[in-house]
Amino acid sequence: MTEFSIIAVFIVGLLGGVHCLGMCGSIVGIFTTQVQKDAARWPFHLAYSSGRIASYAIAGALVGAIGQAGLLMRDAVPVQHLLFALSSLMLIVLGSYLAGLWGAVRQLERLGGGLWKRLQPYTTRLLPVNTVPRALGLGVLWGWLPCGLVYSVLLTALASGSAPQGALIMLAFGLGTLPNLLAIGLFWESIKGWVQSPRVRLAAGLLVSAFGVYGLVKVGYTFYMNGWTGACHVAA
């Protein structure tokens, strides 16, 4: 499922622009207001996004390692299959969010409130963002901003059961968000119609959900063909 997850979360990041606008639009706007020339803004935007995506990858590696530790129990229960099922369910949830059918993703943003309260004071030390290193540092910190979209994708990284694969999944998601965050600061007006198009979001949401349905069918088929004991053996 890792290959499907990478494709799916990239799409989620790419078309989650409305959510990104609400969560990170203000910080990206700082670069736009402080640096007047478009050409001079690029290094700031790229540095900020690089730091943010690096934080996503680190978080993905951490939760992937936790999933990997869970797989050590695979002789007792088919943890691998259960993690794949969780990953598939989250892809369906993310697809529903993209399609505008269900907003449960936003409820997850409360989970990271404690961590963000500890990190937020450090962001003020990097203001004003008048150098590229400051933009990079701010991006690293803002990568831990409570975000339901990020947390949902982290569950997919957890289900990968591997630190490298978890990092890769979050990297793919981060790269998917890159065009939107750059566009917000540089040329959002030119593409917002496409990103916000109900038809585009519905099609993308259904595609992501289809990946999730495929994963659930695959897990269910394994249990049907092998039974609980056989699935445990396959997982091992």
C-alpha atoms as a PDB file:
ATOM      1  CA  MET A   1       0.000   0.000   0.000  1.00  0.00           C
ATOM      2  CA  THR A   2       2.962   2.363   0.405  1.00  0.00           C
ATOM      3  CA  GLU A   3       3.052   3.298  -3.287  1.00  0.00           C
ATOM      4  CA  PHE A   4      -0.678   4.013  -3.298  1.00  0.00           C
ATOM      5  CA  SER A   5      -0.347   5.978  -0.065  1.00  0.00           C
ATOM      6  CA  ILE A   6       2.395   8.169  -1.524  1.00  0.00           C
ATOM      7  CA  ILE A   7       0.296   9.001  -4.588  1.00  0.00           C
ATOM      8  CA  ALA A   8      -2.824   9.577  -2.496  1.00  0.00           C
ATOM      9  CA  VAL A   9      -1.219  11.866   0.102  1.00  0.00           C
ATOM     10  CA  PHE A  10       0.485  13.876  -2.640  1.00  0.00           C
ATOM     11  CA  ILE A  11      -2.961  14.510  -4.136  1.00  0.00           C
ATOM     12  CA  VAL A  12      -4.287  15.394  -0.668  1.00  0.00           C
ATOM     13  CA  GLY A  13      -1.477  17.920  -0.214  1.00  0.00           C
ATOM     14  CA  LEU A  14      -1.882  19.320  -3.712  1.00  0.00           C
ATOM     15  CA  LEU A  15      -5.627  19.894  -3.483  1.00  0.00           C
ATOM     16  CA  GLY A  16      -5.797  20.752   0.202  1.00  0.00           C
ATOM     17  CA  GLY A  17      -5.091  24.352  -0.757  1.00  0.00           C
ATOM     18  CA  VAL A  18      -8.127  25.826   0.963  1.00  0.00           C
ATOM     19  CA  HIS A  19      -7.081  24.224   4.238  1.00  0.00           C
ATOM     20  CA  CYS A  20      -3.473  25.362   3.722  1.00  0.00           C
ATOM     21  CA  LEU A  21      -4.692  28.884   3.053  1.00  0.00           C
ATOM     22  CA  GLY A  22      -6.424  28.949   6.418  1.00  0.00           C
ATOM     23  CA  MET A  23      -3.609  27.326   8.411  1.00  0.00           C
ATOM     24  CA  CYS A  24      -0.458  28.784   6.880  1.00  0.00           C
ATOM     25  CA  GLY A  25      -1.651  31.655   4.711  1.00  0.00           C
ATOM     26  CA  SER A  26      -0.924  34.260   7.357  1.00  0.00           C
ATOM     27  CA  ILE A  27       2.708  33.277   7.870  1.00  0.00           C
ATOM     28  CA  VAL A  28       3.305  33.072   4.124  1.00  0.00           C
ATOM     29  CA  GLY A  29       1.764  36.520   3.818  1.00  0.00           C
ATOM     30  CA  ILE A  30       4.534  37.854   6.056  1.00  0.00           C
ATOM     31  CA  PHE A  31       7.087  37.236   3.315  1.00  0.00           C
ATOM     32  CA  THR A  32       4.820  38.862   0.751  1.00  0.00           C
ATOM     33  CA  THR A  33       4.430  42.068   2.760  1.00  0.00           C
ATOM     34  CA  GLN A  34       8.018  42.340   3.940  1.00  0.00           C
ATOM     35  CA  VAL A  35       9.649  41.647   0.574  1.00  0.00           C
ATOM     36  CA  GLN A  36       8.202  43.802  -2.184  1.00  0.00           C
ATOM     37  CA  LYS A  37       9.757  42.303  -5.310  1.00  0.00           C
ATOM     38  CA  ASP A  38       8.464  38.911  -6.479  1.00  0.00           C
ATOM     39  CA  ALA A  39      11.956  37.720  -7.451  1.00  0.00           C
ATOM     40  CA  ALA A  40      13.246  38.465  -3.963  1.00  0.00           C
ATOM     41  CA  ARG A  41      10.412  36.533  -2.326  1.00  0.00           C
ATOM     42  CA  TRP A  42      11.310  33.152  -3.818  1.00  0.00           C
ATOM     43  CA  PRO A  43      14.216  32.325  -1.458  1.00  0.00           C
ATOM     44  CA  PHE A  44      12.049  33.165   1.566  1.00  0.00           C
ATOM     45  CA  HIS A  45       9.118  31.048   0.402  1.00  0.00           C
ATOM     46  CA  LEU A  46      11.330  28.115  -0.538  1.00  0.00           C
ATOM     47  CA  ALA A  47      13.217  28.279   2.751  1.00  0.00           C
ATOM     48  CA  TYR A  48       9.994  28.388   4.750  1.00  0.00           C
ATOM     49  CA  SER A  49       8.490  25.452   2.845  1.00  0.00           C
ATOM     50  CA  SER A  50      11.730  23.457   3.058  1.00  0.00           C
ATOM     51  CA  GLY A  51      11.736  23.807   6.837  1.00  0.00           C
ATOM     52  CA  ARG A  52       8.057  22.914   7.060  1.00  0.00           C
ATOM     53  CA  ILE A  53       8.421  19.834   4.854  1.00  0.00           C
ATOM     54  CA  ALA A  54      11.500  18.742   6.820  1.00  0.00           C
ATOM     55  CA  SER A  55       9.400  18.795   9.999  1.00  0.00           C
ATOM     56  CA  TYR A  56       6.733  16.722   8.261  1.00  0.00           C
ATOM     57  CA  ALA A  57       9.337  14.146   7.229  1.00  0.00           C
ATOM     58  CA  ILE A  58      10.757  13.959  10.764  1.00  0.00           C
ATOM     59  CA  ALA A  59       7.268  13.464  12.194  1.00  0.00           C
ATOM     60  CA  GLY A  60       6.596  10.787   9.568  1.00  0.00           C
ATOM     61  CA  ALA A  61       9.777   8.946  10.492  1.00  0.00           C
ATOM     62  CA  LEU A  62       8.844   9.056  14.188  1.00  0.00           C
ATOM     63  CA  VAL A  63       5.335   7.667  13.746  1.00  0.00           C
ATOM     64  CA  GLY A  64       6.595   5.173  11.152  1.00  0.00           C
ATOM     65  CA  ALA A  65       9.056   3.892  13.757  1.00  0.00           C
ATOM     66  CA  ILE A  66       6.186   3.521  16.229  1.00  0.00           C
ATOM     67  CA  GLY A  67       4.297   1.510  13.619  1.00  0.00           C
ATOM     68  CA  GLN A  68       7.392  -0.585  13.029  1.00  0.00           C
ATOM     69  CA  ALA A  69       7.595  -1.352  16.750  1.00  0.00           C
ATOM     70  CA  GLY A  70       3.989  -2.494  16.591  1.00  0.00           C
ATOM     71  CA  LEU A  71       4.872  -4.907  13.809  1.00  0.00           C
ATOM     72  CA  LEU A  72       7.176  -6.701  16.241  1.00  0.00           C
ATOM     73  CA  MET A  73       3.972  -8.126  17.689  1.00  0.00           C
ATOM     74  CA  ARG A  74       2.874  -9.578  14.379  1.00  0.00           C
ATOM     75  CA  ASP A  75       3.250 -13.154  15.629  1.00  0.00           C
ATOM     76  CA  ALA A  76       0.468 -12.455  18.153  1.00  0.00           C
ATOM     77  CA  VAL A  77      -1.943 -10.468  15.966  1.00  0.00           C
ATOM     78  CA  PRO A  78      -1.992  -9.450  12.278  1.00  0.00           C
ATOM     79  CA  VAL A  79      -0.812  -5.942  13.119  1.00  0.00           C
ATOM     80  CA  GLN A  80       0.392  -5.268   9.602  1.00  0.00           C
ATOM     81  CA  HIS A  81      -3.039  -5.881   8.150  1.00  0.00           C
ATOM     82  CA  LEU A  82      -4.706  -3.828  10.850  1.00  0.00           C
ATOM     83  CA  LEU A  83      -2.334  -0.945  10.128  1.00  0.00           C
ATOM     84  CA  PHE A  84      -3.075  -1.214   6.408  1.00  0.00           C
ATOM     85  CA  ALA A  85      -6.794  -1.131   7.235  1.00  0.00           C
ATOM     86  CA  LEU A  86      -6.243   2.000   9.365  1.00  0.00           C
ATOM     87  CA  SER A  87      -4.286   3.619   6.558  1.00  0.00           C
ATOM     88  CA  SER A  88      -7.044   2.787   4.075  1.00  0.00           C
ATOM     89  CA  LEU A  89      -9.725   4.203   6.354  1.00  0.00           C
ATOM     90  CA  MET A  90      -7.763   7.429   6.735  1.00  0.00           C
ATOM     91  CA  LEU A  91      -7.440   7.741   2.948  1.00  0.00           C
ATOM     92  CA  ILE A  92     -11.227   7.466   2.712  1.00  0.00           C
ATOM     93  CA  VAL A  93     -11.605  10.152   5.389  1.00  0.00           C
ATOM     94  CA  LEU A  94      -9.109  12.404   3.593  1.00  0.00           C
ATOM     95  CA  GLY A  95     -10.853  11.818   0.278  1.00  0.00           C
ATOM     96  CA  SER A  96     -14.180  12.747   1.868  1.00  0.00           C
ATOM     97  CA  TYR A  97     -12.621  15.944   3.205  1.00  0.00           C
ATOM     98  CA  LEU A  98     -11.154  16.894  -0.174  1.00  0.00           C
ATOM     99  CA  ALA A  99     -14.492  16.252  -1.853  1.00  0.00           C
ATOM    100  CA  GLY A 100     -16.196  18.517   0.681  1.00  0.00           C
ATOM    101  CA  LEU A 101     -18.363  15.680   1.984  1.00  0.00           C
ATOM    102  CA  TRP A 102     -17.076  15.411   5.562  1.00  0.00           C
ATOM    103  CA  GLY A 103     -15.066  17.827   7.707  1.00  0.00           C
ATOM    104  CA  ALA A 104     -13.992  15.445  10.487  1.00  0.00           C
ATOM    105  CA  VAL A 105     -10.335  16.139   9.647  1.00  0.00           C
ATOM    106  CA  ARG A 106     -10.546  19.536  11.333  1.00  0.00           C
ATOM    107  CA  GLN A 107     -11.493  17.952  14.658  1.00  0.00           C
ATOM    108  CA  LEU A 108      -8.017  16.417  14.907  1.00  0.00           C
ATOM    109  CA  GLU A 109      -6.384  19.823  15.245  1.00  0.00           C
ATOM    110  CA  ARG A 110      -6.999  19.843  18.996  1.00  0.00           C
ATOM    111  CA  LEU A 111      -4.538  16.978  19.479  1.00  0.00           C
ATOM    112  CA  GLY A 112      -1.392  19.053  18.976  1.00  0.00           C
ATOM    113  CA  GLY A 113      -2.400  22.040  21.059  1.00  0.00           C
ATOM    114  CA  GLY A 114      -0.082  21.210  23.959  1.00  0.00           C
ATOM    115  CA  LEU A 115       3.006  20.809  21.805  1.00  0.00           C
ATOM    116  CA  TRP A 116       2.261  23.978  19.850  1.00  0.00           C
ATOM    117  CA  LYS A 117       1.942  26.024  23.042  1.00  0.00           C
ATOM    118  CA  ARG A 118       5.543  25.085  23.845  1.00  0.00           C
ATOM    119  CA  LEU A 119       6.839  25.861  20.357  1.00  0.00           C
ATOM    120  CA  GLN A 120       4.880  28.991  19.509  1.00  0.00           C
ATOM    121  CA  PRO A 121       6.951  31.377  21.713  1.00  0.00           C
ATOM    122  CA  TYR A 122      10.047  30.498  19.665  1.00  0.00           C
ATOM    123  CA  THR A 123       8.381  31.739  16.473  1.00  0.00           C
ATOM    124  CA  THR A 124       8.326  35.319  17.771  1.00  0.00           C
ATOM    125  CA  ARG A 125      12.103  35.237  18.130  1.00  0.00           C
ATOM    126  CA  LEU A 126      12.392  34.758  14.380  1.00  0.00           C
ATOM    127  CA  LEU A 127      10.364  37.850  13.536  1.00  0.00           C
ATOM    128  CA  PRO A 128      10.744  39.933  11.506  1.00  0.00           C
ATOM    129  CA  VAL A 129      11.520  37.406   8.774  1.00  0.00           C
ATOM    130  CA  ASN A 130      14.181  39.490   7.060  1.00  0.00           C
ATOM    131  CA  THR A 131      16.695  36.728   6.280  1.00  0.00           C
ATOM    132  CA  VAL A 132      16.435  33.350   4.574  1.00  0.00           C
ATOM    133  CA  PRO A 133      17.750  31.425   7.640  1.00  0.00           C
ATOM    134  CA  ARG A 134      14.968  32.987   9.709  1.00  0.00           C
ATOM    135  CA  ALA A 135      12.417  31.860   7.130  1.00  0.00           C
ATOM    136  CA  LEU A 136      13.880  28.351   7.272  1.00  0.00           C
ATOM    137  CA  GLY A 137      13.733  28.259  11.062  1.00  0.00           C
ATOM    138  CA  LEU A 138      10.188  29.569  11.082  1.00  0.00           C
ATOM    139  CA  GLY A 139       9.206  26.884   8.590  1.00  0.00           C
ATOM    140  CA  VAL A 140      10.673  24.171  10.823  1.00  0.00           C
ATOM    141  CA  LEU A 141       8.604  25.432  13.758  1.00  0.00           C
ATOM    142  CA  TRP A 142       5.421  25.965  11.769  1.00  0.00           C
ATOM    143  CA  GLY A 143       5.679  22.411  10.527  1.00  0.00           C
ATOM    144  CA  TRP A 144       4.425  21.413  13.996  1.00  0.00           C
ATOM    145  CA  LEU A 145       1.395  23.719  13.867  1.00  0.00           C
ATOM    146  CA  PRO A 146      -1.746  21.733  14.829  1.00  0.00           C
ATOM    147  CA  CYS A 147      -3.304  20.720  11.521  1.00  0.00           C
ATOM    148  CA  GLY A 148      -5.981  18.082  11.050  1.00  0.00           C
ATOM    149  CA  LEU A 149      -4.830  17.430   7.503  1.00  0.00           C
ATOM    150  CA  VAL A 150      -1.270  16.728   8.658  1.00  0.00           C
ATOM    151  CA  TYR A 151      -2.430  14.521  11.524  1.00  0.00           C
ATOM    152  CA  SER A 152      -4.606  12.472   9.199  1.00  0.00           C
ATOM    153  CA  VAL A 153      -1.680  11.857   6.872  1.00  0.00           C
ATOM    154  CA  LEU A 154       0.506  10.987   9.883  1.00  0.00           C
ATOM    155  CA  LEU A 155      -1.841   8.094  10.596  1.00  0.00           C
ATOM    156  CA  THR A 156      -1.097   6.836   7.100  1.00  0.00           C
ATOM    157  CA  ALA A 157       2.625   7.172   7.866  1.00  0.00           C
ATOM    158  CA  LEU A 158       2.064   5.231  11.089  1.00  0.00           C
ATOM    159  CA  ALA A 159       0.392   2.468   9.134  1.00  0.00           C
ATOM    160  CA  SER A 160       3.414   2.161   6.848  1.00  0.00           C
ATOM    161  CA  GLY A 161       5.198   0.385   9.716  1.00  0.00           C
ATOM    162  CA  SER A 162       8.559   1.823   8.704  1.00  0.00           C
ATOM    163  CA  ALA A 163      10.467   4.948   9.647  1.00  0.00           C
ATOM    164  CA  PRO A 164      11.854   5.530   6.106  1.00  0.00           C
ATOM    165  CA  GLN A 165       8.474   4.887   4.481  1.00  0.00           C
ATOM    166  CA  GLY A 166       6.736   7.093   7.045  1.00  0.00           C
ATOM    167  CA  ALA A 167       9.170   9.900   6.239  1.00  0.00           C
ATOM    168  CA  LEU A 168       8.639   9.332   2.501  1.00  0.00           C
ATOM    169  CA  ILE A 169       4.852   9.512   2.869  1.00  0.00           C
ATOM    170  CA  MET A 170       5.056  12.801   4.765  1.00  0.00           C
ATOM    171  CA  LEU A 171       7.618  14.115   2.273  1.00  0.00           C
ATOM    172  CA  ALA A 172       5.194  13.360  -0.564  1.00  0.00           C
ATOM    173  CA  PHE A 173       2.430  15.150   1.298  1.00  0.00           C
ATOM    174  CA  GLY A 174       4.683  18.143   1.959  1.00  0.00           C
ATOM    175  CA  LEU A 175       5.706  18.361  -1.687  1.00  0.00           C
ATOM    176  CA  GLY A 176       2.027  18.240  -2.608  1.00  0.00           C
ATOM    177  CA  THR A 177       1.378  21.297  -0.434  1.00  0.00           C
ATOM    178  CA  LEU A 178       4.332  23.185  -1.907  1.00  0.00           C
ATOM    179  CA  PRO A 179       2.585  24.604  -5.004  1.00  0.00           C
ATOM    180  CA  ASN A 180      -0.292  25.909  -2.890  1.00  0.00           C
ATOM    181  CA  LEU A 181       1.912  27.599  -0.304  1.00  0.00           C
ATOM    182  CA  LEU A 182       4.070  29.164  -2.991  1.00  0.00           C
ATOM    183  CA  ALA A 183       0.974  30.224  -4.883  1.00  0.00           C
ATOM    184  CA  ILE A 184      -0.536  31.877  -1.811  1.00  0.00           C
ATOM    185  CA  GLY A 185       2.460  34.167  -1.586  1.00  0.00           C
ATOM    186  CA  LEU A 186       3.274  34.616  -5.248  1.00  0.00           C
ATOM    187  CA  PHE A 187       0.407  33.912  -7.628  1.00  0.00           C
ATOM    188  CA  TRP A 188      -2.550  32.581  -5.668  1.00  0.00           C
ATOM    189  CA  GLU A 189      -4.987  34.679  -7.672  1.00  0.00           C
ATOM    190  CA  SER A 190      -3.994  32.848 -10.835  1.00  0.00           C
ATOM    191  CA  ILE A 191      -4.756  29.311  -9.664  1.00  0.00           C
ATOM    192  CA  LYS A 192      -7.214  29.582  -6.780  1.00  0.00           C
ATOM    193  CA  GLY A 193     -10.143  29.000  -9.121  1.00  0.00           C
ATOM    194  CA  TRP A 194      -8.717  25.636 -10.150  1.00  0.00           C
ATOM    195  CA  VAL A 195      -7.807  24.566  -6.594  1.00  0.00           C
ATOM    196  CA  GLN A 196     -11.202  25.582  -5.224  1.00  0.00           C
ATOM    197  CA  SER A 197     -13.217  24.143  -8.098  1.00  0.00           C
ATOM    198  CA  PRO A 198     -15.895  21.808  -6.656  1.00  0.00           C
ATOM    199  CA  ARG A 199     -15.508  19.446  -9.608  1.00  0.00           C
ATOM    200  CA  VAL A 200     -11.742  19.202  -9.220  1.00  0.00           C
ATOM    201  CA  ARG A 201     -12.021  18.655  -5.460  1.00  0.00           C
ATOM    202  CA  LEU A 202     -14.758  16.061  -5.880  1.00  0.00           C
ATOM    203  CA  ALA A 203     -12.769  14.142  -8.495  1.00  0.00           C
ATOM    204  CA  ALA A 204      -9.604  14.238  -6.380  1.00  0.00           C
ATOM    205  CA  GLY A 205     -11.516  13.241  -3.240  1.00  0.00           C
ATOM    206  CA  LEU A 206     -13.100  10.278  -4.961  1.00  0.00           C
ATOM    207  CA  LEU A 207      -9.703   9.209  -6.323  1.00  0.00           C
ATOM    208  CA  VAL A 208      -8.086   9.325  -2.868  1.00  0.00           C
ATOM    209  CA  SER A 209     -11.058   7.486  -1.360  1.00  0.00           C
ATOM    210  CA  ALA A 210     -10.751   4.865  -4.097  1.00  0.00           C
ATOM    211  CA  PHE A 211      -7.197   4.135  -2.935  1.00  0.00           C
ATOM    212  CA  GLY A 212      -8.575   3.609   0.563  1.00  0.00           C
ATOM    213  CA  VAL A 213     -11.375   1.341  -0.624  1.00  0.00           C
ATOM    214  CA  TYR A 214      -8.871  -0.705  -2.605  1.00  0.00           C
ATOM    215  CA  GLY A 215      -6.755  -1.146   0.523  1.00  0.00           C
ATOM    216  CA  LEU A 216      -9.724  -2.295   2.609  1.00  0.00           C
ATOM    217  CA  VAL A 217     -10.775  -4.749  -0.081  1.00  0.00           C
ATOM    218  CA  LYS A 218      -7.228  -6.099  -0.245  1.00  0.00           C
ATOM    219  CA  VAL A 219      -7.064  -6.613   3.535  1.00  0.00           C
ATOM    220  CA  GLY A 220     -10.535  -8.136   3.616  1.00  0.00           C
ATOM    221  CA  TYR A 221      -9.640 -10.513   0.791  1.00  0.00           C
ATOM    222  CA  THR A 222      -6.540 -11.649   2.663  1.00  0.00           C
ATOM    223  CA  PHE A 223      -8.579 -12.491   5.747  1.00  0.00           C
ATOM    224  CA  TYR A 224     -11.241 -14.191   3.634  1.00  0.00           C
ATOM    225  CA  MET A 225      -8.724 -16.389   1.837  1.00  0.00           C
ATOM    226  CA  ASN A 226      -6.426 -17.150   4.773  1.00  0.00           C
ATOM    227  CA  GLY A 227      -8.549 -16.686   7.876  1.00  0.00           C
ATOM    228  CA  TRP A 228      -7.294 -14.997  11.045  1.00  0.00           C
ATOM    229  CA  THR A 229      -4.480 -17.514  11.599  1.00  0.00           C
ATOM    230  CA  GLY A 230      -3.425 -17.413   7.979  1.00  0.00           C
ATOM    231  CA  ALA A 231      -3.434 -13.629   7.967  1.00  0.00           C
ATOM    232  CA  CYS A 232      -1.199 -13.675  11.012  1.00  0.00           C
ATOM    233  CA  HIS A 233       1.175 -15.924   9.103  1.00  0.00           C
ATOM    234  CA  VAL A 234       1.087 -13.654   6.049  1.00  0.00           C
ATOM    235  CA  ALA A 235       1.772 -10.623   8.232  1.00  0.00           C
ATOM    236  CA  ALA A 236       4.750 -12.405   9.740  1.00  0.00           C
END
